[in-house]
C-alpha atoms as a PDB file:
ATOM      1  CA  MET A   1      19.680 -12.202   7.449  1.00  0.00           C
ATOM      2  CA  SER A   2      18.719 -15.834   7.206  1.00  0.00           C
ATOM      3  CA  SER A   3      16.798 -17.172   4.231  1.00  0.00           C
ATOM      4  CA  ASN A   4      15.081 -19.830   6.347  1.00  0.00           C
ATOM      5  CA  ASN A   5      11.340 -19.804   5.595  1.00  0.00           C
ATOM      6  CA  SER A   6      10.440 -22.708   7.876  1.00  0.00           C
ATOM      7  CA  GLY A   7       7.779 -20.673   9.709  1.00  0.00           C
ATOM      8  CA  ARG A   8       6.068 -19.262   6.658  1.00  0.00           C
ATOM      9  CA  ASN A   9       3.150 -20.702   4.753  1.00  0.00           C
ATOM     10  CA  ARG A  10       2.432 -23.295   7.395  1.00  0.00           C
ATOM     11  CA  THR A  11      -1.156 -24.336   7.859  1.00  0.00           C
ATOM     12  CA  LEU A  12      -1.751 -23.888  11.584  1.00  0.00           C
ATOM     13  CA  VAL A  13      -5.095 -25.693  11.433  1.00  0.00           C
ATOM     14  CA  PRO A  14      -4.779 -28.486   8.860  1.00  0.00           C
ATOM     15  CA  GLU A  15      -8.553 -28.990   8.814  1.00  0.00           C
ATOM     16  CA  ALA A  16      -8.951 -25.445   7.471  1.00  0.00           C
ATOM     17  CA  LYS A  17      -6.825 -26.028   4.364  1.00  0.00           C
ATOM     18  CA  ALA A  18      -9.693 -27.328   2.201  1.00  0.00           C
ATOM     19  CA  GLY A  19     -11.891 -24.384   3.192  1.00  0.00           C
ATOM     20  CA  LEU A  20      -9.150 -21.882   2.404  1.00  0.00           C
ATOM     21  CA  ASN A  21      -8.597 -23.498  -0.995  1.00  0.00           C
ATOM     22  CA  ARG A  22     -12.344 -23.234  -1.752  1.00  0.00           C
ATOM     23  CA  LEU A  23     -12.308 -19.570  -0.692  1.00  0.00           C
ATOM     24  CA  LYS A  24      -9.238 -18.919  -2.847  1.00  0.00           C
ATOM     25  CA  THR A  25     -10.931 -20.441  -5.901  1.00  0.00           C
ATOM     26  CA  GLU A  26     -14.157 -18.510  -5.240  1.00  0.00           C
ATOM     27  CA  VAL A  27     -12.329 -15.202  -4.812  1.00  0.00           C
ATOM     28  CA  ALA A  28     -10.179 -15.785  -7.906  1.00  0.00           C
ATOM     29  CA  SER A  29     -13.345 -16.328  -9.914  1.00  0.00           C
ATOM     30  CA  GLU A  30     -14.812 -13.089  -8.520  1.00  0.00           C
ATOM     31  CA  VAL A  31     -11.762 -11.114  -9.672  1.00  0.00           C
ATOM     32  CA  GLY A  32     -11.847 -12.671 -13.145  1.00  0.00           C
ATOM     33  CA  LEU A  33      -9.325 -15.501 -12.854  1.00  0.00           C
ATOM     34  CA  SER A  34     -11.168 -18.580 -14.021  1.00  0.00           C
ATOM     35  CA  ASP A  35      -9.672 -22.057 -13.496  1.00  0.00           C
ATOM     36  CA  TYR A  36      -7.363 -20.615 -10.811  1.00  0.00           C
ATOM     37  CA  GLU A  37      -6.528 -23.977  -9.260  1.00  0.00           C
ATOM     38  CA  ASN A  38      -4.943 -25.148 -12.547  1.00  0.00           C
ATOM     39  CA  ILE A  39      -3.138 -21.916 -13.471  1.00  0.00           C
ATOM     40  CA  ASP A  40       0.625 -21.619 -12.970  1.00  0.00           C
ATOM     41  CA  LYS A  41       0.619 -18.881 -10.308  1.00  0.00           C
ATOM     42  CA  GLY A  42       4.109 -17.840 -11.415  1.00  0.00           C
ATOM     43  CA  SER A  43       2.681 -16.762 -14.769  1.00  0.00           C
ATOM     44  CA  LEU A  44       0.308 -14.301 -13.071  1.00  0.00           C
ATOM     45  CA  SER A  45       1.310 -10.775 -12.175  1.00  0.00           C
ATOM     46  CA  SER A  46       1.922  -9.728  -8.587  1.00  0.00           C
ATOM     47  CA  ARG A  47      -1.183  -7.586  -8.843  1.00  0.00           C
ATOM     48  CA  GLN A  48      -3.369 -10.534  -9.862  1.00  0.00           C
ATOM     49  CA  ASN A  49      -2.043 -12.772  -7.088  1.00  0.00           C
ATOM     50  CA  GLY A  50      -2.324  -9.877  -4.637  1.00  0.00           C
ATOM     51  CA  TYR A  51      -5.969  -9.326  -5.500  1.00  0.00           C
ATOM     52  CA  VAL A  52      -6.751 -12.930  -4.633  1.00  0.00           C
ATOM     53  CA  GLY A  53      -4.999 -12.738  -1.261  1.00  0.00           C
ATOM     54  CA  GLY A  54      -6.410  -9.309  -0.474  1.00  0.00           C
ATOM     55  CA  TYR A  55      -9.973 -10.261  -1.267  1.00  0.00           C
ATOM     56  CA  MET A  56      -9.597 -13.472   0.747  1.00  0.00           C
ATOM     57  CA  VAL A  57      -8.658 -11.400   3.801  1.00  0.00           C
ATOM     58  CA  LYS A  58     -11.535  -9.001   3.110  1.00  0.00           C
ATOM     59  CA  HIS A  59     -14.013 -11.917   2.978  1.00  0.00           C
ATOM     60  CA  MET A  60     -12.629 -13.443   6.176  1.00  0.00           C
ATOM     61  CA  ILE A  61     -12.908 -10.123   8.031  1.00  0.00           C
ATOM     62  CA  GLN A  62     -16.481  -9.608   6.810  1.00  0.00           C
ATOM     63  CA  ASP A  63     -17.447 -13.123   7.907  1.00  0.00           C
ATOM     64  CA  TYR A  64     -15.856 -12.576  11.311  1.00  0.00           C
ATOM     65  CA  GLU A  65     -17.608  -9.227  11.791  1.00  0.00           C
ATOM     66  CA  GLN A  66     -20.962 -10.757  10.854  1.00  0.00           C
ATOM     67  CA  GLY A  67     -20.362 -13.450  13.456  1.00  0.00           C
ATOM     68  CA  LEU A  68     -19.924 -10.765  16.115  1.00  0.00           C
ATOM     69  CA  LYS A  69     -23.367  -9.302  15.483  1.00  0.00           C
END
């Protein structure tokens, strides 16, 4: 298996990057991780980092569903 990660973690819509970073910071604050943008993410547990990503997806799904109504 190749260890090439060239297709991962690419921003498909570069204009969305700032919005995703704002959402990430907002969600991290909601789950109790203050000053998330300045924290070394490697010092956080997998669970803590997973909460941020999971809640980001949850927020995006909720926003999308509200847009459908």
